[in-house]
């Protein structure tokens, strides 16, 4: 018999340690300069023989400039992201050294009602987790980091019909290109992660919320949201999946949340519905 008593018990123990340092300087009333450094340490252990027992050390170093004058605001960030994984099998199984710029602009178009417009660009990286990479029967050690270039444009509106009611609405449209997109696929018994070579994403998000002050200590909040997301495979022309929606990724998503907030507790309910492509 492969397993004693016909069963196998897996014990996984992950330790995490975080540290951060931040400094802000305001040389002028309209200008802020910020520096931040964050560190994260992860170590996964388990009771199985011949396992990776990985250690991950991450560093995030960010330099930010923010200029705000009258109704306009400009913010730029340059982030250096460094990741190093070490396992029992290889000195460095996965590493990343990336400079990630971000630029955003926003403007207040009206004060009554309060209307904001915004546009932004950013580079982003998503690292595979220890579960994605190393967990027995689930992990895929060949995964690469997901890298994205994203544009966003949007607007926000705030109305106050009365002293006890506040209404907020937001709309955002986005476009991006993603390399090595991380997607979960089902196998015979479990889901596993894999990379898609190149993906184009377009979509928009609509959301609205209504806050009602029932009493001095009780507030009722209702949120409604809709998301349309197109994720098209652009890896290789002529393949059956070229320019098709990625499998198991929802194209439409609806969400409704209602919450009663009090000074001693919060009670809420959330309902969501989505349609995914298989």
Protein backbone atom coordinates (compact mmCIF):
# COMPACT_ATOMS: atom_id res chain seq x y z
CA UNK A 1 0.00 0.00 0.00
CA UNK A 2 1.39 3.41 -0.98
CA UNK A 3 0.01 5.27 2.04
CA UNK A 4 -0.05 3.89 5.62
CA UNK A 5 -3.60 3.03 6.68
CA UNK A 6 -4.75 4.04 3.18
CA UNK A 7 -4.48 7.79 3.73
CA UNK A 8 -2.00 10.65 3.38
CA UNK A 9 -1.81 13.70 5.63
CA UNK A 10 -0.08 16.78 4.21
CA UNK A 11 1.03 19.46 6.68
CA UNK A 12 1.99 22.82 5.17
CA UNK A 13 3.39 25.61 7.33
CA UNK A 14 4.03 29.06 5.83
CA UNK A 15 5.81 31.79 7.77
CA UNK A 16 5.62 35.44 6.71
CA UNK A 17 7.46 38.54 7.92
CA UNK A 18 6.84 42.12 6.78
CA UNK A 19 8.63 45.42 7.31
CA UNK A 20 8.15 48.92 5.93
CA UNK A 21 9.79 52.34 5.98
CA UNK A 22 8.26 55.56 4.65
CA UNK A 23 9.26 59.23 4.51
CA UNK A 24 7.34 62.23 3.15
CA UNK A 25 8.73 65.70 2.39
CA UNK A 26 6.63 68.72 1.46
CA UNK A 27 8.95 71.42 0.06
CA UNK A 28 5.99 73.51 -1.16
CA UNK A 29 2.29 73.60 -0.30
CA UNK A 30 1.42 72.05 -3.66
CA UNK A 31 4.24 69.47 -3.89
CA UNK A 32 4.82 66.24 -1.97
CA UNK A 33 7.82 63.92 -2.33
CA UNK A 34 7.63 60.46 -0.79
CA UNK A 35 9.99 57.52 -0.46
CA UNK A 36 8.90 54.09 0.74
CA UNK A 37 10.52 50.69 1.10
CA UNK A 38 8.67 47.47 1.94
CA UNK A 39 10.13 44.05 2.56
CA UNK A 40 8.37 40.68 2.69
CA UNK A 41 9.80 37.29 3.69
CA UNK A 42 7.97 34.01 3.02
CA UNK A 43 8.99 30.46 3.92
CA UNK A 44 6.91 27.38 3.11
CA UNK A 45 7.59 24.08 4.88
CA UNK A 46 5.80 20.74 4.69
CA UNK A 47 6.19 17.18 5.94
CA UNK A 48 6.69 15.60 2.50
CA UNK A 49 10.04 14.26 1.27
CA UNK A 50 11.80 15.77 -1.75
CA UNK A 51 9.80 19.01 -1.65
CA UNK A 52 11.03 22.47 -2.60
CA UNK A 53 10.68 24.12 0.87
CA UNK A 54 10.84 27.53 -0.86
CA UNK A 55 11.99 30.84 0.58
CA UNK A 56 10.93 34.13 -1.05
CA UNK A 57 12.40 37.55 -0.32
CA UNK A 58 10.62 40.57 -1.85
CA UNK A 59 11.63 44.23 -1.89
CA UNK A 60 9.43 47.14 -3.02
CA UNK A 61 11.15 50.54 -3.31
CA UNK A 62 8.95 53.44 -4.43
CA UNK A 63 9.67 57.10 -5.18
CA UNK A 64 6.58 59.30 -5.59
CA UNK A 65 5.98 62.90 -6.70
CA UNK A 66 2.56 64.47 -6.15
CA UNK A 67 1.61 67.93 -7.38
CA UNK A 68 -1.79 69.39 -6.48
CA UNK A 69 -2.92 72.87 -7.44
CA UNK A 70 -6.43 74.27 -7.42
CA UNK A 71 -8.59 71.60 -9.11
CA UNK A 72 -5.78 69.58 -10.69
CA UNK A 73 -3.67 66.75 -9.31
CA UNK A 74 -0.73 64.91 -10.91
CA UNK A 75 0.99 61.93 -9.31
CA UNK A 76 3.94 59.90 -10.59
CA UNK A 77 5.54 56.83 -8.99
CA UNK A 78 8.57 54.79 -9.91
CA UNK A 79 8.57 51.40 -8.19
CA UNK A 80 11.49 48.99 -8.13
CA UNK A 81 10.25 45.43 -7.49
CA UNK A 82 12.76 42.72 -6.63
CA UNK A 83 11.89 39.09 -5.91
CA UNK A 84 14.19 36.12 -5.24
CA UNK A 85 13.02 32.55 -4.64
CA UNK A 86 15.28 29.82 -3.30
CA UNK A 87 14.42 26.14 -3.07
CA UNK A 88 16.10 22.87 -2.12
CA UNK A 89 16.46 21.93 -5.77
CA UNK A 90 17.86 25.11 -7.35
CA UNK A 91 19.83 28.08 -5.95
CA UNK A 92 17.33 30.55 -7.45
CA UNK A 93 14.19 29.07 -8.99
CA UNK A 94 12.45 32.36 -9.78
CA UNK A 95 13.72 35.93 -9.72
CA UNK A 96 12.43 39.32 -10.76
CA UNK A 97 14.03 42.76 -11.08
CA UNK A 98 11.62 45.30 -12.54
CA UNK A 99 11.13 49.07 -12.72
CA UNK A 100 7.40 49.86 -12.78
CA UNK A 101 6.31 53.45 -13.58
CA UNK A 102 2.87 54.89 -12.79
CA UNK A 103 1.40 58.23 -13.90
CA UNK A 104 -2.05 59.58 -13.01
CA UNK A 105 -3.85 62.88 -13.63
CA UNK A 106 -7.16 64.00 -12.12
CA UNK A 107 -9.23 67.16 -12.30
CA UNK A 108 -12.26 68.52 -10.46
CA UNK A 109 -14.66 69.59 -13.21
CA UNK A 110 -17.45 70.83 -10.94
CA UNK A 111 -18.02 71.45 -7.24
CA UNK A 112 -21.85 71.32 -7.26
CA UNK A 113 -22.37 68.49 -8.00
CA UNK A 114 -18.86 67.22 -7.25
CA UNK A 115 -17.45 65.78 -10.51
CA UNK A 116 -13.95 64.36 -11.02
CA UNK A 117 -12.26 63.10 -14.20
CA UNK A 118 -9.09 60.98 -14.21
CA UNK A 119 -6.66 59.18 -16.49
CA UNK A 120 -3.75 56.92 -15.58
CA UNK A 121 -1.09 54.58 -16.93
CA UNK A 122 0.86 51.95 -15.02
CA UNK A 123 3.10 48.94 -15.40
CA UNK A 124 2.29 46.05 -13.07
CA UNK A 125 3.69 42.63 -12.18
CA UNK A 126 1.92 39.69 -10.56
CA UNK A 127 4.11 36.98 -9.05
CA UNK A 128 2.91 33.36 -8.86
CA UNK A 129 2.11 32.46 -5.26
CA UNK A 130 3.63 29.54 -3.35
CA UNK A 131 0.34 27.71 -3.87
CA UNK A 132 0.59 28.26 -7.64
CA UNK A 133 4.21 27.07 -7.74
CA UNK A 134 4.99 24.52 -5.05
CA UNK A 135 1.97 22.87 -3.43
CA UNK A 136 1.85 19.12 -4.06
CA UNK A 137 -0.49 18.18 -6.96
CA UNK A 138 -1.42 21.85 -7.39
CA UNK A 139 1.88 23.55 -8.13
CA UNK A 140 3.46 24.34 -11.49
CA UNK A 141 7.14 25.24 -11.05
CA UNK A 142 7.42 26.46 -14.67
CA UNK A 143 5.23 29.52 -14.10
CA UNK A 144 6.57 32.96 -15.00
CA UNK A 145 5.56 36.36 -13.54
CA UNK A 146 2.59 38.06 -15.17
CA UNK A 147 3.49 41.51 -16.60
CA UNK A 148 0.94 44.14 -17.66
CA UNK A 149 0.77 47.61 -19.23
CA UNK A 150 -2.54 49.27 -18.32
CA UNK A 151 -4.41 52.45 -19.32
CA UNK A 152 -7.45 53.73 -17.41
CA UNK A 153 -9.85 56.65 -17.86
CA UNK A 154 -12.77 57.40 -15.59
CA UNK A 155 -15.06 59.84 -13.84
CA UNK A 156 -16.80 60.16 -10.47
CA UNK A 157 -19.90 62.05 -9.36
CA UNK A 158 -21.12 62.82 -5.85
CA UNK A 159 -24.60 64.17 -5.07
CA UNK A 160 -26.19 65.12 -1.75
CA UNK A 161 -29.97 65.19 -2.29
CA UNK A 162 -30.45 65.87 1.42
CA UNK A 163 -28.46 66.17 4.61
CA UNK A 164 -29.03 62.45 5.32
CA UNK A 165 -28.38 61.02 1.84
CA UNK A 166 -25.20 60.85 -0.24
CA UNK A 167 -25.07 59.33 -3.73
CA UNK A 168 -21.81 58.35 -5.48
CA UNK A 169 -21.33 57.01 -9.00
CA UNK A 170 -18.15 55.89 -10.77
CA UNK A 171 -17.35 54.80 -14.31
CA UNK A 172 -13.97 53.52 -15.52
CA UNK A 173 -12.82 52.19 -18.88
CA UNK A 174 -9.50 50.43 -19.35
CA UNK A 175 -7.23 48.83 -21.91
CA UNK A 176 -4.12 46.75 -21.36
CA UNK A 177 -1.68 44.21 -22.72
CA UNK A 178 -0.59 41.30 -20.53
CA UNK A 179 2.33 38.93 -21.03
CA UNK A 180 2.39 35.51 -19.30
CA UNK A 181 -1.18 35.92 -18.02
CA UNK A 182 -1.77 33.60 -15.04
CA UNK A 183 -4.96 31.56 -15.49
CA UNK A 184 -6.38 28.63 -13.50
CA UNK A 185 -7.32 25.47 -15.45
CA UNK A 186 -9.02 22.32 -14.15
CA UNK A 187 -7.19 19.00 -14.39
CA UNK A 188 -8.63 15.59 -13.55
CA UNK A 189 -8.91 16.29 -9.81
CA UNK A 190 -7.59 19.79 -9.06
CA UNK A 191 -7.17 23.25 -10.56
CA UNK A 192 -3.68 24.28 -11.70
CA UNK A 193 -2.20 27.56 -12.88
CA UNK A 194 -0.67 28.13 -16.31
CA UNK A 195 0.68 31.06 -18.35
CA UNK A 196 -0.89 32.50 -21.51
CA UNK A 197 1.75 34.09 -23.73
CA UNK A 198 -0.01 37.38 -24.62
CA UNK A 199 -3.46 38.72 -23.74
CA UNK A 200 -5.26 41.95 -24.58
CA UNK A 201 -7.78 43.20 -22.04
CA UNK A 202 -10.49 45.83 -22.48
CA UNK A 203 -13.49 46.62 -20.36
CA UNK A 204 -15.33 49.02 -18.15
CA UNK A 205 -16.73 49.18 -14.62
CA UNK A 206 -19.88 50.93 -13.39
CA UNK A 207 -20.66 51.37 -9.72
CA UNK A 208 -23.11 53.38 -7.64
CA UNK A 209 -23.65 53.72 -3.91
CA UNK A 210 -26.26 55.35 -1.68
CA UNK A 211 -25.53 56.20 1.96
CA UNK A 212 -28.49 57.00 4.18
CA UNK A 213 -28.13 58.22 7.76
CA UNK A 214 -31.06 56.61 9.58
CA UNK A 215 -30.14 57.85 13.04
CA UNK A 216 -27.16 59.48 14.67
CA UNK A 217 -25.46 56.09 15.10
CA UNK A 218 -26.95 53.98 12.27
CA UNK A 219 -26.11 54.28 8.55
CA UNK A 220 -27.50 52.21 5.69
CA UNK A 221 -25.27 51.73 2.63
CA UNK A 222 -26.21 50.10 -0.69
CA UNK A 223 -23.71 49.43 -3.51
CA UNK A 224 -24.44 48.22 -7.05
CA UNK A 225 -21.73 47.31 -9.56
CA UNK A 226 -21.35 45.94 -13.07
CA UNK A 227 -18.11 44.90 -14.80
CA UNK A 228 -17.51 44.00 -18.43
CA UNK A 229 -14.12 42.39 -19.07
CA UNK A 230 -12.78 41.15 -22.40
CA UNK A 231 -9.63 39.00 -22.16
CA UNK A 232 -8.58 37.89 -25.65
CA UNK A 233 -5.73 35.49 -26.41
CA UNK A 234 -3.23 37.16 -28.77
CA UNK A 235 -0.44 34.62 -28.47
CA UNK A 236 -0.36 32.96 -31.91
CA UNK A 237 -2.40 33.55 -35.04
CA UNK A 238 -4.06 30.53 -36.60
CA UNK A 239 -4.64 28.64 -33.35
CA UNK A 240 -8.22 27.71 -32.33
CA UNK A 241 -8.08 30.02 -29.28
CA UNK A 242 -6.64 33.09 -31.02
CA UNK A 243 -8.74 36.20 -30.28
CA UNK A 244 -11.08 34.12 -28.11
CA UNK A 245 -12.07 34.92 -24.52
CA UNK A 246 -9.80 33.16 -22.03
CA UNK A 247 -11.52 30.11 -20.56
CA UNK A 248 -12.92 30.25 -17.04
CA UNK A 249 -12.77 34.06 -16.96
CA UNK A 250 -16.11 35.90 -16.52
CA UNK A 251 -17.02 38.46 -19.18
CA UNK A 252 -19.93 39.99 -17.23
CA UNK A 253 -20.18 40.41 -13.48
CA UNK A 254 -22.96 41.96 -11.37
CA UNK A 255 -22.66 42.71 -7.65
CA UNK A 256 -25.10 44.11 -5.08
CA UNK A 257 -24.10 44.81 -1.49
CA UNK A 258 -26.19 46.25 1.32
CA UNK A 259 -24.79 47.05 4.76
CA UNK A 260 -26.14 48.47 7.98
CA UNK A 261 -23.37 50.17 9.95
CA UNK A 262 -23.73 50.94 13.64
CA UNK A 263 -21.37 52.10 16.34
CA UNK A 264 -21.18 48.54 17.76
CA UNK A 265 -21.52 46.21 14.75
CA UNK A 266 -21.99 45.97 10.98
CA UNK A 267 -24.48 43.68 9.22
CA UNK A 268 -24.23 43.13 5.47
CA UNK A 269 -25.36 40.98 2.56
CA UNK A 270 -23.68 40.53 -0.83
CA UNK A 271 -25.09 38.94 -4.00
CA UNK A 272 -23.12 38.46 -7.21
CA UNK A 273 -23.71 36.90 -10.60
CA UNK A 274 -21.31 36.31 -13.47
CA UNK A 275 -21.07 34.53 -16.79
CA UNK A 276 -17.85 32.75 -17.64
CA UNK A 277 -16.47 31.22 -20.83
CA UNK A 278 -15.44 27.57 -20.90
